[in-house]
Structure formats: structure tokens, C-alpha cells
Amino acid sequence: MGIPPSRPDSSHREGNDVSEPIRTALLIVDVQNDFCEGGSLAVKGGGAVAAAVTAYISRDHGYHAIVATRDHHIDPGDHFSDNPDFVDSWPPHCVKGTPGVDFHPSLATDTLDAVFSKGEYSAAYSGFEGFDDSGAGLADWLRDKQINAVDIVGLTTDHCVVATALDAQASGFTTRVLLRYTAGVSPDTTKTAIARMTEAGIGVITGVSAADRPA
């Protein structure tokens, strides 16, 4: 199944017997230096995801907003460990004021409408735990823009992407994950994450459509 270009105004969502236009945001999760090759918690393919997302957003897919989330840790407690188990604890990463917290240089940020920072003093896997510079939470910001659907891309499939997608769906947003534009820590945990998202009713989109192939 390919990734159809999102044309939100061309379709409607039924809710409470009222048909409303679908307004979709693209949500880019944690495409940061520390999660890409050379970072303190690198994921294989992270840099390629950054470049692929940039190519994707360079085309007109009809999104009403494009936003990004980022880990922005100061002291997240037990989330950091000198002897991490890589399940509940991790090496220090994406620490405020370090190069690792920055978005990967291959990710174009000039089209972003907002950035939501999360996890200063907590683990905060989900982008819906993040806030923009004005203090607005992600869900409230999207609703204020009359967004009712999200497409999710970024890092990593089996941690912050799945957490963000599950929260998006639970918050009432029609949710899709564009799997081609994600990367996971391991095949087994990624498979589990995909199953969890599918069971929750999230659209997990795989493959490449004609619109996504380079001209």
C-alpha cells in the first residue's frame, strides 16, 4: 500500500452525526542528532530518515500544519543511567544545551509551524507530553488549529513514534504512521510496536506511492 498524498479538504470525518472536513497535520517525532548515526543513542538509518522526511515535505501533500517534537532533557531521573538496561533506562541523550538535542542537519526545519519540547524532568516518550515556546501542549495546539488528523513520521518506531501515535489516537485524532519515514531500534520491538498501533486502530502505512518516488 502506498502513501497517498494527504488532501484533507477533499474528504470528511463522521462524528456525532456531523460531517467535518479532515484537516491533517504532519507530526515529525524526535529527528535529533543523538538518535542518528554518531549520536549517543543512535538508531541505524536515523540520518536517512531525516533526509527522506525533508524530501517528503518538499512536495505539496496538503497538510494544514507541520510540527516537530524533540527530547529536551535536563534531569529526567531514572530515564538516564550509567548502566542502562535499554528498556526503561538509557545513556544520557538529547540534553539541553548540547549538540545532540539539535535536529539532524538533513531535516529541513524552515517549514515547521511549531516545535514541542518534552522530557526536561521526565522520560516523556510521547510527543503529546511536549510544549511549545508559549507553553501550549501539542493536543491543544492542534485543536486550536482545527486539526483532527495526524500523519506521524520520525524516530524511533518502537519508542517515541508508537507512544506518540497511541496518544494521538486516544486524544481523538485520526492517526496514521508513515512507516517508510521511521526507523526502529530493533526488528522485534518494531514488530511489537506495529502490532500495538494496528490493534489501536492506527493506520500503519507501508510502501512507496508514485507521488513519493523521486522525479
N, C-alpha and C. Protein backbone atom coordinates (compact mmCIF):
# COMPACT_ATOMS: atom_id res chain seq x y z
N MET A 1 0.84 -1.19 0.00
CA MET A 1 0.00 0.00 0.00
C MET A 1 0.87 1.23 0.00
N GLY A 2 0.65 2.13 -0.91
CA GLY A 2 1.45 3.34 -0.99
C GLY A 2 0.95 4.40 -0.03
N ILE A 3 1.68 5.50 0.03
CA ILE A 3 1.31 6.62 0.88
C ILE A 3 0.60 7.64 0.02
N PRO A 4 -0.73 7.74 0.12
CA PRO A 4 -1.44 8.70 -0.72
C PRO A 4 -1.17 10.11 -0.26
N PRO A 5 -1.01 11.04 -1.20
CA PRO A 5 -0.88 12.43 -0.79
C PRO A 5 -2.08 12.84 0.04
N SER A 6 -1.83 13.56 1.12
CA SER A 6 -2.91 13.97 2.00
C SER A 6 -3.58 15.21 1.45
N ARG A 7 -4.86 15.09 1.14
CA ARG A 7 -5.65 16.22 0.66
C ARG A 7 -6.82 16.39 1.62
N PRO A 8 -6.57 17.02 2.77
CA PRO A 8 -7.54 16.98 3.85
C PRO A 8 -8.90 17.54 3.50
N ASP A 9 -8.98 18.59 2.68
CA ASP A 9 -10.28 19.21 2.42
C ASP A 9 -11.13 18.40 1.46
N SER A 10 -10.57 17.33 0.87
CA SER A 10 -11.31 16.57 -0.12
C SER A 10 -12.14 15.46 0.50
N SER A 11 -12.04 15.27 1.82
CA SER A 11 -12.78 14.21 2.48
C SER A 11 -13.29 14.71 3.82
N HIS A 12 -14.17 13.92 4.41
CA HIS A 12 -14.79 14.32 5.66
C HIS A 12 -14.74 13.17 6.66
N ARG A 13 -14.82 13.54 7.92
CA ARG A 13 -14.86 12.57 9.01
C ARG A 13 -16.21 12.66 9.68
N GLU A 14 -16.80 11.51 9.96
CA GLU A 14 -18.09 11.48 10.63
C GLU A 14 -17.89 11.45 12.14
N GLY A 15 -18.57 12.31 12.84
CA GLY A 15 -18.50 12.30 14.30
C GLY A 15 -19.72 12.98 14.88
N ASN A 16 -20.40 12.29 15.81
CA ASN A 16 -21.60 12.84 16.43
C ASN A 16 -22.62 13.27 15.38
N ASP A 17 -22.74 12.45 14.32
CA ASP A 17 -23.70 12.69 13.24
C ASP A 17 -23.41 13.97 12.48
N VAL A 18 -22.23 14.52 12.62
CA VAL A 18 -21.86 15.73 11.90
C VAL A 18 -20.64 15.42 11.05
N SER A 19 -20.72 15.78 9.76
CA SER A 19 -19.59 15.56 8.87
C SER A 19 -18.70 16.78 8.91
N GLU A 20 -17.42 16.58 9.22
CA GLU A 20 -16.49 17.70 9.30
C GLU A 20 -15.31 17.47 8.36
N PRO A 21 -14.79 18.55 7.78
CA PRO A 21 -13.62 18.40 6.90
C PRO A 21 -12.44 17.83 7.67
N ILE A 22 -11.69 16.97 7.02
CA ILE A 22 -10.48 16.43 7.64
C ILE A 22 -9.34 17.41 7.43
N ARG A 23 -8.76 17.87 8.52
CA ARG A 23 -7.61 18.77 8.48
C ARG A 23 -6.44 18.04 9.13
N THR A 24 -5.41 17.80 8.33
CA THR A 24 -4.32 16.91 8.75
C THR A 24 -3.04 17.68 9.01
N ALA A 25 -2.36 17.31 10.08
CA ALA A 25 -1.02 17.83 10.38
C ALA A 25 0.00 16.71 10.21
N LEU A 26 1.19 17.08 9.76
CA LEU A 26 2.33 16.15 9.76
C LEU A 26 3.09 16.36 11.05
N LEU A 27 3.31 15.29 11.78
CA LEU A 27 4.00 15.34 13.07
C LEU A 27 5.32 14.58 12.95
N ILE A 28 6.43 15.32 13.07
CA ILE A 28 7.78 14.76 12.94
C ILE A 28 8.33 14.54 14.34
N VAL A 29 8.59 13.28 14.67
CA VAL A 29 8.96 12.92 16.04
C VAL A 29 10.48 12.75 16.18
N ASP A 30 11.10 13.61 16.96
CA ASP A 30 12.44 13.41 17.54
C ASP A 30 13.54 13.05 16.53
N VAL A 31 13.58 13.75 15.41
CA VAL A 31 14.65 13.51 14.42
C VAL A 31 15.84 14.37 14.83
N GLN A 32 16.55 13.92 15.86
CA GLN A 32 17.60 14.69 16.52
C GLN A 32 18.95 14.00 16.38
N ASN A 33 20.00 14.79 16.56
CA ASN A 33 21.36 14.27 16.36
C ASN A 33 21.66 13.03 17.20
N ASP A 34 21.24 13.04 18.46
CA ASP A 34 21.59 11.91 19.32
C ASP A 34 20.89 10.61 18.94
N PHE A 35 19.84 10.69 18.13
CA PHE A 35 19.15 9.48 17.68
C PHE A 35 19.60 9.05 16.29
N CYS A 36 20.56 9.76 15.72
CA CYS A 36 21.07 9.45 14.39
C CYS A 36 22.53 9.01 14.49
N GLU A 37 23.06 8.49 13.41
CA GLU A 37 24.42 7.98 13.41
C GLU A 37 25.40 9.00 13.99
N GLY A 38 26.24 8.54 14.92
CA GLY A 38 27.19 9.42 15.59
C GLY A 38 26.68 9.98 16.90
N GLY A 39 25.39 9.80 17.19
CA GLY A 39 24.81 10.30 18.42
C GLY A 39 24.96 9.33 19.56
N SER A 40 24.61 9.77 20.76
CA SER A 40 24.80 8.95 21.95
C SER A 40 23.81 7.80 22.05
N LEU A 41 22.72 7.87 21.32
CA LEU A 41 21.72 6.81 21.32
C LEU A 41 21.26 6.59 19.88
N ALA A 42 22.23 6.33 19.02
CA ALA A 42 22.00 6.31 17.57
C ALA A 42 21.15 5.12 17.15
N VAL A 43 20.29 5.38 16.17
CA VAL A 43 19.47 4.35 15.54
C VAL A 43 19.94 4.21 14.10
N LYS A 44 20.18 2.99 13.67
CA LYS A 44 20.59 2.76 12.29
C LYS A 44 19.52 3.28 11.34
N GLY A 45 19.94 4.12 10.41
CA GLY A 45 19.01 4.70 9.46
C GLY A 45 18.41 6.02 9.88
N GLY A 46 18.83 6.53 11.04
CA GLY A 46 18.27 7.80 11.52
C GLY A 46 18.54 8.95 10.57
N GLY A 47 19.77 9.06 10.08
CA GLY A 47 20.10 10.13 9.14
C GLY A 47 19.34 10.01 7.85
N ALA A 48 19.13 8.78 7.39
CA ALA A 48 18.36 8.56 6.16
C ALA A 48 16.91 8.98 6.35
N VAL A 49 16.36 8.74 7.53
CA VAL A 49 15.00 9.18 7.82
C VAL A 49 14.92 10.70 7.75
N ALA A 50 15.90 11.39 8.32
CA ALA A 50 15.91 12.86 8.27
C ALA A 50 15.86 13.36 6.84
N ALA A 51 16.69 12.78 5.98
CA ALA A 51 16.72 13.20 4.57
C ALA A 51 15.43 12.84 3.86
N ALA A 52 14.88 11.66 4.15
CA ALA A 52 13.65 11.23 3.49
C ALA A 52 12.46 12.10 3.90
N VAL A 53 12.40 12.48 5.18
CA VAL A 53 11.33 13.36 5.63
C VAL A 53 11.43 14.72 4.95
N THR A 54 12.65 15.23 4.81
CA THR A 54 12.84 16.50 4.12
C THR A 54 12.35 16.42 2.68
N ALA A 55 12.68 15.33 1.99
CA ALA A 55 12.20 15.16 0.62
C ALA A 55 10.68 15.06 0.58
N TYR A 56 10.11 14.39 1.55
CA TYR A 56 8.66 14.22 1.61
C TYR A 56 7.95 15.56 1.80
N ILE A 57 8.44 16.38 2.72
CA ILE A 57 7.75 17.64 3.00
C ILE A 57 8.03 18.69 1.93
N SER A 58 9.00 18.42 1.04
CA SER A 58 9.25 19.37 -0.05
C SER A 58 8.15 19.31 -1.10
N ARG A 59 7.35 18.24 -1.08
CA ARG A 59 6.24 18.12 -2.00
C ARG A 59 4.97 18.59 -1.31
N ASP A 60 4.01 19.01 -2.09
CA ASP A 60 2.75 19.53 -1.53
C ASP A 60 1.82 18.36 -1.25
N HIS A 61 1.67 18.04 0.02
CA HIS A 61 0.78 16.96 0.41
C HIS A 61 -0.49 17.48 1.07
N GLY A 62 -0.68 18.78 1.05
CA GLY A 62 -1.92 19.34 1.55
C GLY A 62 -2.04 19.44 3.05
N TYR A 63 -0.92 19.36 3.77
CA TYR A 63 -1.00 19.44 5.23
C TYR A 63 -1.38 20.86 5.68
N HIS A 64 -2.19 20.91 6.72
CA HIS A 64 -2.57 22.20 7.28
C HIS A 64 -1.57 22.69 8.32
N ALA A 65 -0.69 21.83 8.77
CA ALA A 65 0.37 22.22 9.69
C ALA A 65 1.45 21.14 9.65
N ILE A 66 2.69 21.57 9.88
CA ILE A 66 3.81 20.65 10.03
C ILE A 66 4.51 21.02 11.32
N VAL A 67 4.58 20.08 12.25
CA VAL A 67 5.18 20.34 13.55
C VAL A 67 6.18 19.24 13.88
N ALA A 68 7.06 19.54 14.83
CA ALA A 68 8.06 18.56 15.25
C ALA A 68 8.09 18.49 16.77
N THR A 69 8.47 17.32 17.27
CA THR A 69 8.74 17.16 18.69
C THR A 69 10.22 16.90 18.89
N ARG A 70 10.68 17.14 20.10
CA ARG A 70 12.08 16.85 20.41
C ARG A 70 12.23 16.51 21.89
N ASP A 71 13.08 15.52 22.17
CA ASP A 71 13.54 15.31 23.53
C ASP A 71 14.37 16.53 23.94
N HIS A 72 14.19 16.98 25.18
CA HIS A 72 14.85 18.20 25.64
C HIS A 72 15.17 18.03 27.13
N HIS A 73 16.03 17.04 27.40
CA HIS A 73 16.24 16.62 28.78
C HIS A 73 17.16 17.56 29.56
N ILE A 74 16.82 17.72 30.83
CA ILE A 74 17.69 18.40 31.80
C ILE A 74 18.10 17.39 32.87
N ASP A 75 17.13 16.91 33.61
CA ASP A 75 17.37 15.86 34.61
C ASP A 75 16.15 14.95 34.64
N PRO A 76 16.11 13.97 33.74
CA PRO A 76 14.93 13.10 33.67
C PRO A 76 14.95 11.92 34.63
N GLY A 77 15.74 12.01 35.68
CA GLY A 77 15.75 10.99 36.71
C GLY A 77 16.25 9.64 36.22
N ASP A 78 15.48 8.58 36.52
CA ASP A 78 15.89 7.22 36.21
C ASP A 78 15.90 6.92 34.71
N HIS A 79 15.43 7.85 33.90
CA HIS A 79 15.48 7.67 32.45
C HIS A 79 16.92 7.59 31.96
N PHE A 80 17.83 8.28 32.67
CA PHE A 80 19.26 8.23 32.36
C PHE A 80 19.96 7.29 33.33
N SER A 81 20.95 6.56 32.81
CA SER A 81 21.72 5.67 33.68
C SER A 81 23.11 5.45 33.10
N ASP A 82 24.09 5.31 33.99
CA ASP A 82 25.44 4.92 33.56
C ASP A 82 25.50 3.44 33.19
N ASN A 83 24.51 2.68 33.66
CA ASN A 83 24.41 1.26 33.32
C ASN A 83 22.98 0.98 32.83
N PRO A 84 22.64 1.50 31.67
CA PRO A 84 21.25 1.42 31.20
C PRO A 84 20.84 0.01 30.82
N ASP A 85 19.53 -0.27 30.96
CA ASP A 85 19.02 -1.57 30.53
C ASP A 85 18.43 -1.50 29.12
N PHE A 86 18.37 -0.29 28.56
CA PHE A 86 17.86 -0.06 27.21
C PHE A 86 16.40 -0.51 27.06
N VAL A 87 15.70 -0.52 28.18
CA VAL A 87 14.26 -0.76 28.21
C VAL A 87 13.58 0.41 28.91
N ASP A 88 13.97 0.63 30.16
CA ASP A 88 13.45 1.75 30.94
C ASP A 88 14.49 2.82 31.22
N SER A 89 15.76 2.48 31.03
CA SER A 89 16.84 3.45 31.25
C SER A 89 17.78 3.46 30.06
N TRP A 90 18.41 4.63 29.84
CA TRP A 90 19.17 4.85 28.62
C TRP A 90 20.40 5.69 28.92
N PRO A 91 21.41 5.66 28.05
CA PRO A 91 22.52 6.59 28.21
C PRO A 91 22.01 8.03 28.08
N PRO A 92 22.69 8.98 28.70
CA PRO A 92 22.28 10.38 28.53
C PRO A 92 22.19 10.75 27.05
N HIS A 93 21.13 11.46 26.69
CA HIS A 93 20.90 11.83 25.30
C HIS A 93 20.02 13.07 25.24
N CYS A 94 20.16 13.80 24.16
CA CYS A 94 19.32 14.98 23.89
C CYS A 94 19.24 15.90 25.10
N VAL A 95 20.41 16.19 25.67
CA VAL A 95 20.49 17.06 26.84
C VAL A 95 20.47 18.51 26.39
N LYS A 96 19.64 19.30 27.04
CA LYS A 96 19.51 20.72 26.70
C LYS A 96 20.89 21.39 26.69
N GLY A 97 21.17 22.14 25.62
CA GLY A 97 22.43 22.86 25.50
C GLY A 97 23.54 22.09 24.84
N THR A 98 23.29 20.83 24.46
CA THR A 98 24.31 20.03 23.77
C THR A 98 23.94 19.86 22.30
N PRO A 99 24.93 19.56 21.44
CA PRO A 99 24.63 19.35 20.02
C PRO A 99 23.65 18.21 19.78
N GLY A 100 23.61 17.24 20.68
CA GLY A 100 22.73 16.09 20.49
C GLY A 100 21.26 16.42 20.50
N VAL A 101 20.89 17.52 21.13
CA VAL A 101 19.48 17.89 21.20
C VAL A 101 18.98 18.52 19.90
N ASP A 102 19.90 18.98 19.06
CA ASP A 102 19.52 19.68 17.83
C ASP A 102 18.90 18.72 16.82
N PHE A 103 18.04 19.26 15.97
CA PHE A 103 17.53 18.46 14.87
C PHE A 103 18.68 18.08 13.93
N HIS A 104 18.57 16.90 13.33
CA HIS A 104 19.59 16.44 12.40
C HIS A 104 19.72 17.44 11.25
N PRO A 105 20.94 17.73 10.80
CA PRO A 105 21.11 18.75 9.74
C PRO A 105 20.41 18.40 8.43
N SER A 106 20.10 17.14 8.20
CA SER A 106 19.40 16.77 6.97
C SER A 106 17.90 17.01 7.05
N LEU A 107 17.41 17.35 8.23
CA LEU A 107 15.98 17.64 8.39
C LEU A 107 15.74 19.13 8.15
N ALA A 108 14.94 19.44 7.16
CA ALA A 108 14.58 20.84 6.90
C ALA A 108 13.61 21.31 7.98
N THR A 109 13.95 22.41 8.62
CA THR A 109 13.10 22.92 9.70
C THR A 109 12.42 24.24 9.35
N ASP A 110 12.69 24.75 8.15
CA ASP A 110 12.13 26.06 7.79
C ASP A 110 10.63 26.00 7.56
N THR A 111 10.07 24.81 7.36
CA THR A 111 8.64 24.68 7.14
C THR A 111 7.86 24.37 8.41
N LEU A 112 8.55 24.26 9.54
CA LEU A 112 7.88 23.89 10.78
C LEU A 112 7.02 25.04 11.30
N ASP A 113 5.80 24.71 11.68
CA ASP A 113 4.90 25.70 12.27
C ASP A 113 5.07 25.79 13.78
N ALA A 114 5.60 24.75 14.39
CA ALA A 114 5.83 24.75 15.84
C ALA A 114 6.75 23.59 16.20
N VAL A 115 7.45 23.76 17.33
CA VAL A 115 8.30 22.70 17.89
C VAL A 115 7.86 22.47 19.33
N PHE A 116 7.68 21.20 19.68
CA PHE A 116 7.22 20.84 21.02
C PHE A 116 8.32 20.08 21.75
N SER A 117 8.81 20.67 22.84
CA SER A 117 9.91 20.09 23.62
C SER A 117 9.33 19.29 24.77
N LYS A 118 9.97 18.14 25.06
CA LYS A 118 9.43 17.25 26.08
C LYS A 118 10.55 16.62 26.90
N GLY A 119 10.21 16.27 28.12
CA GLY A 119 11.10 15.45 28.93
C GLY A 119 12.19 16.18 29.69
N GLU A 120 11.99 17.44 30.04
CA GLU A 120 13.04 18.11 30.81
C GLU A 120 13.33 17.36 32.10
N TYR A 121 12.28 16.92 32.79
CA TYR A 121 12.46 16.24 34.07
C TYR A 121 11.71 14.90 34.12
N SER A 122 11.50 14.31 32.96
CA SER A 122 10.81 13.02 32.89
C SER A 122 11.24 12.31 31.61
N ALA A 123 10.83 11.05 31.46
CA ALA A 123 11.18 10.28 30.26
C ALA A 123 10.50 10.85 29.03
N ALA A 124 9.18 11.05 29.11
CA ALA A 124 8.40 11.71 28.06
C ALA A 124 8.64 11.11 26.67
N TYR A 125 8.18 9.89 26.48
CA TYR A 125 8.31 9.26 25.17
C TYR A 125 7.35 9.89 24.16
N SER A 126 6.17 10.25 24.58
CA SER A 126 5.15 10.74 23.66
C SER A 126 5.30 12.23 23.37
N GLY A 127 5.14 12.58 22.10
CA GLY A 127 5.15 13.98 21.72
C GLY A 127 4.03 14.77 22.37
N PHE A 128 2.98 14.08 22.81
CA PHE A 128 1.86 14.76 23.45
C PHE A 128 2.17 15.18 24.88
N GLU A 129 3.38 14.87 25.34
CA GLU A 129 3.87 15.39 26.61
C GLU A 129 4.68 16.67 26.41
N GLY A 130 4.78 17.14 25.18
CA GLY A 130 5.60 18.30 24.86
C GLY A 130 4.83 19.60 24.86
N PHE A 131 5.59 20.70 24.93
CA PHE A 131 5.02 22.05 24.93
C PHE A 131 5.83 22.93 23.99
N ASP A 132 5.15 23.90 23.37
CA ASP A 132 5.87 24.84 22.52
C ASP A 132 6.41 25.99 23.38
N ASP A 133 7.03 26.97 22.74
CA ASP A 133 7.67 28.06 23.48
C ASP A 133 6.67 28.89 24.28
N SER A 134 5.40 28.87 23.87
CA SER A 134 4.39 29.64 24.59
C SER A 134 3.77 28.86 25.74
N GLY A 135 4.15 27.57 25.86
CA GLY A 135 3.59 26.73 26.90
C GLY A 135 2.39 25.92 26.48
N ALA A 136 2.04 25.98 25.20
CA ALA A 136 0.89 25.22 24.70
C ALA A 136 1.27 23.75 24.51
N GLY A 137 0.41 22.85 24.96
CA GLY A 137 0.61 21.44 24.72
C GLY A 137 0.25 21.07 23.30
N LEU A 138 0.78 19.95 22.84
CA LEU A 138 0.58 19.55 21.45
C LEU A 138 -0.89 19.35 21.11
N ALA A 139 -1.63 18.62 21.93
CA ALA A 139 -3.04 18.36 21.62
C ALA A 139 -3.84 19.65 21.54
N ASP A 140 -3.64 20.55 22.50
CA ASP A 140 -4.36 21.82 22.49
C ASP A 140 -3.99 22.65 21.28
N TRP A 141 -2.70 22.65 20.93
CA TRP A 141 -2.25 23.42 19.77
C TRP A 141 -2.92 22.92 18.50
N LEU A 142 -2.97 21.60 18.33
CA LEU A 142 -3.60 21.03 17.14
C LEU A 142 -5.08 21.37 17.10
N ARG A 143 -5.75 21.22 18.21
CA ARG A 143 -7.19 21.53 18.24
C ARG A 143 -7.45 23.00 17.96
N ASP A 144 -6.57 23.87 18.46
CA ASP A 144 -6.72 25.30 18.20
C ASP A 144 -6.64 25.61 16.71
N LYS A 145 -5.88 24.79 15.98
CA LYS A 145 -5.75 24.95 14.53
C LYS A 145 -6.80 24.13 13.78
N GLN A 146 -7.75 23.57 14.52
CA GLN A 146 -8.83 22.75 13.96
C GLN A 146 -8.29 21.51 13.23
N ILE A 147 -7.16 21.02 13.69
CA ILE A 147 -6.60 19.78 13.17
C ILE A 147 -7.33 18.60 13.82
N ASN A 148 -7.74 17.63 13.01
CA ASN A 148 -8.40 16.45 13.57
C ASN A 148 -7.78 15.14 13.09
N ALA A 149 -6.67 15.23 12.35
CA ALA A 149 -5.98 14.04 11.88
C ALA A 149 -4.48 14.33 11.84
N VAL A 150 -3.68 13.29 12.08
CA VAL A 150 -2.22 13.46 12.04
C VAL A 150 -1.58 12.31 11.29
N ASP A 151 -0.56 12.65 10.51
CA ASP A 151 0.37 11.68 9.94
C ASP A 151 1.66 11.80 10.74
N ILE A 152 2.21 10.67 11.18
CA ILE A 152 3.38 10.68 12.06
C ILE A 152 4.56 10.02 11.37
N VAL A 153 5.73 10.68 11.48
CA VAL A 153 6.99 10.16 10.97
C VAL A 153 8.06 10.41 12.03
N GLY A 154 9.24 9.79 11.88
CA GLY A 154 10.35 10.13 12.76
C GLY A 154 10.96 8.95 13.49
N LEU A 155 11.51 9.24 14.69
CA LEU A 155 12.33 8.29 15.45
C LEU A 155 11.84 8.21 16.90
N THR A 156 11.86 7.02 17.47
CA THR A 156 12.03 5.75 16.79
C THR A 156 10.68 5.04 16.75
N THR A 157 10.52 4.16 15.76
CA THR A 157 9.25 3.48 15.57
C THR A 157 8.77 2.79 16.84
N ASP A 158 9.69 2.16 17.55
CA ASP A 158 9.33 1.29 18.67
C ASP A 158 9.36 1.98 20.03
N HIS A 159 9.59 3.28 20.04
CA HIS A 159 9.58 4.01 21.32
C HIS A 159 8.75 5.29 21.19
N CYS A 160 9.35 6.37 20.76
CA CYS A 160 8.63 7.64 20.77
C CYS A 160 7.57 7.75 19.67
N VAL A 161 7.78 7.10 18.53
CA VAL A 161 6.76 7.13 17.48
C VAL A 161 5.50 6.39 17.94
N VAL A 162 5.66 5.18 18.45
CA VAL A 162 4.49 4.42 18.88
C VAL A 162 3.79 5.12 20.05
N ALA A 163 4.55 5.67 20.99
CA ALA A 163 3.93 6.37 22.12
C ALA A 163 3.14 7.58 21.65
N THR A 164 3.70 8.32 20.71
CA THR A 164 3.02 9.50 20.17
C THR A 164 1.77 9.10 19.40
N ALA A 165 1.88 8.05 18.60
CA ALA A 165 0.73 7.60 17.81
C ALA A 165 -0.41 7.12 18.70
N LEU A 166 -0.10 6.36 19.73
CA LEU A 166 -1.14 5.87 20.63
C LEU A 166 -1.82 7.03 21.35
N ASP A 167 -1.05 8.02 21.77
CA ASP A 167 -1.65 9.19 22.43
C ASP A 167 -2.48 10.01 21.45
N ALA A 168 -2.02 10.12 20.21
CA ALA A 168 -2.80 10.86 19.21
C ALA A 168 -4.16 10.20 19.00
N GLN A 169 -4.15 8.89 18.83
CA GLN A 169 -5.40 8.16 18.63
C GLN A 169 -6.30 8.28 19.85
N ALA A 170 -5.72 8.14 21.04
CA ALA A 170 -6.50 8.23 22.27
C ALA A 170 -7.07 9.63 22.49
N SER A 171 -6.40 10.64 21.92
CA SER A 171 -6.85 12.03 22.07
C SER A 171 -7.89 12.41 21.03
N GLY A 172 -8.26 11.45 20.17
CA GLY A 172 -9.34 11.70 19.22
C GLY A 172 -8.91 12.10 17.83
N PHE A 173 -7.60 12.09 17.55
CA PHE A 173 -7.12 12.42 16.22
C PHE A 173 -7.08 11.15 15.36
N THR A 174 -7.59 11.25 14.14
CA THR A 174 -7.41 10.16 13.19
C THR A 174 -5.93 10.06 12.88
N THR A 175 -5.34 8.90 13.10
CA THR A 175 -3.88 8.79 13.15
C THR A 175 -3.34 7.78 12.16
N ARG A 176 -2.30 8.20 11.43
CA ARG A 176 -1.55 7.29 10.57
C ARG A 176 -0.07 7.43 10.90
N VAL A 177 0.65 6.33 10.77
CA VAL A 177 2.11 6.34 10.85
C VAL A 177 2.64 5.95 9.48
N LEU A 178 3.47 6.82 8.90
CA LEU A 178 4.05 6.57 7.58
C LEU A 178 5.36 5.83 7.80
N LEU A 179 5.28 4.52 7.76
CA LEU A 179 6.37 3.67 8.24
C LEU A 179 7.66 3.87 7.47
N ARG A 180 7.55 4.22 6.20
CA ARG A 180 8.76 4.43 5.40
C ARG A 180 9.63 5.54 5.97
N TYR A 181 9.01 6.48 6.67
CA TYR A 181 9.72 7.64 7.19
C TYR A 181 9.98 7.50 8.69
N THR A 182 10.22 6.28 9.12
CA THR A 182 10.58 5.99 10.51
C THR A 182 11.74 5.00 10.52
N ALA A 183 12.36 4.84 11.68
CA ALA A 183 13.37 3.79 11.89
C ALA A 183 13.23 3.31 13.33
N GLY A 184 13.42 2.00 13.53
CA GLY A 184 13.27 1.42 14.85
C GLY A 184 14.59 0.97 15.44
N VAL A 185 14.58 0.74 16.74
CA VAL A 185 15.78 0.29 17.44
C VAL A 185 16.10 -1.15 17.08
N SER A 186 15.08 -2.02 17.06
CA SER A 186 15.32 -3.42 16.72
C SER A 186 14.11 -3.98 15.98
N PRO A 187 14.32 -5.00 15.16
CA PRO A 187 13.19 -5.60 14.42
C PRO A 187 12.09 -6.14 15.34
N ASP A 188 12.47 -6.79 16.43
CA ASP A 188 11.47 -7.40 17.31
C ASP A 188 10.60 -6.35 17.98
N THR A 189 11.22 -5.31 18.54
CA THR A 189 10.43 -4.28 19.21
C THR A 189 9.64 -3.44 18.21
N THR A 190 10.16 -3.29 17.01
CA THR A 190 9.42 -2.57 15.97
C THR A 190 8.19 -3.36 15.56
N LYS A 191 8.33 -4.67 15.42
CA LYS A 191 7.19 -5.52 15.08
C LYS A 191 6.11 -5.42 16.15
N THR A 192 6.53 -5.43 17.41
CA THR A 192 5.57 -5.29 18.51
C THR A 192 4.88 -3.94 18.47
N ALA A 193 5.63 -2.88 18.19
CA ALA A 193 5.06 -1.54 18.11
C ALA A 193 4.02 -1.45 17.00
N ILE A 194 4.33 -2.03 15.85
CA ILE A 194 3.39 -2.01 14.73
C ILE A 194 2.10 -2.74 15.10
N ALA A 195 2.24 -3.87 15.78
CA ALA A 195 1.06 -4.62 16.21
C ALA A 195 0.22 -3.80 17.18
N ARG A 196 0.86 -3.12 18.12
CA ARG A 196 0.12 -2.29 19.08
C ARG A 196 -0.63 -1.17 18.38
N MET A 197 0.02 -0.54 17.42
CA MET A 197 -0.64 0.55 16.70
C MET A 197 -1.80 0.04 15.86
N THR A 198 -1.61 -1.08 15.20
CA THR A 198 -2.68 -1.65 14.39
C THR A 198 -3.87 -2.02 15.25
N GLU A 199 -3.62 -2.65 16.39
CA GLU A 199 -4.69 -3.04 17.30
C GLU A 199 -5.45 -1.83 17.83
N ALA A 200 -4.78 -0.68 17.93
CA ALA A 200 -5.41 0.54 18.42
C ALA A 200 -6.20 1.27 17.33
N GLY A 201 -6.16 0.74 16.11
CA GLY A 201 -6.90 1.37 15.02
C GLY A 201 -6.12 2.43 14.28
N ILE A 202 -4.83 2.49 14.51
CA ILE A 202 -3.97 3.45 13.82
C ILE A 202 -3.62 2.90 12.44
N GLY A 203 -3.64 3.76 11.44
CA GLY A 203 -3.25 3.35 10.10
C GLY A 203 -1.74 3.28 9.99
N VAL A 204 -1.21 2.10 9.78
CA VAL A 204 0.24 1.93 9.60
C VAL A 204 0.48 1.75 8.11
N ILE A 205 1.02 2.79 7.49
CA ILE A 205 1.13 2.85 6.03
C ILE A 205 2.54 2.43 5.63
N THR A 206 2.63 1.45 4.75
CA THR A 206 3.92 0.97 4.26
C THR A 206 4.01 1.16 2.76
N GLY A 207 5.22 0.97 2.22
CA GLY A 207 5.39 1.02 0.78
C GLY A 207 5.63 2.42 0.27
N VAL A 208 5.69 2.53 -1.04
CA VAL A 208 6.01 3.78 -1.73
C VAL A 208 4.99 4.01 -2.82
N SER A 209 4.38 5.17 -2.83
CA SER A 209 3.46 5.51 -3.91
C SER A 209 4.20 6.27 -5.00
N ALA A 210 3.57 6.44 -6.13
CA ALA A 210 4.20 7.17 -7.23
C ALA A 210 4.57 8.58 -6.81
N ALA A 211 3.74 9.18 -5.95
CA ALA A 211 4.00 10.55 -5.51
C ALA A 211 5.24 10.66 -4.65
N ASP A 212 5.67 9.54 -4.04
CA ASP A 212 6.83 9.57 -3.16
C ASP A 212 8.13 9.23 -3.87
N ARG A 213 8.05 8.76 -5.11
CA ARG A 213 9.26 8.41 -5.84
C ARG A 213 9.91 9.67 -6.40
N PRO A 214 11.23 9.77 -6.32
CA PRO A 214 11.90 10.95 -6.88
C PRO A 214 11.58 11.11 -8.35
N ALA A 215 11.44 12.36 -8.76
CA ALA A 215 11.14 12.62 -10.17
C ALA A 215 12.33 12.25 -11.04
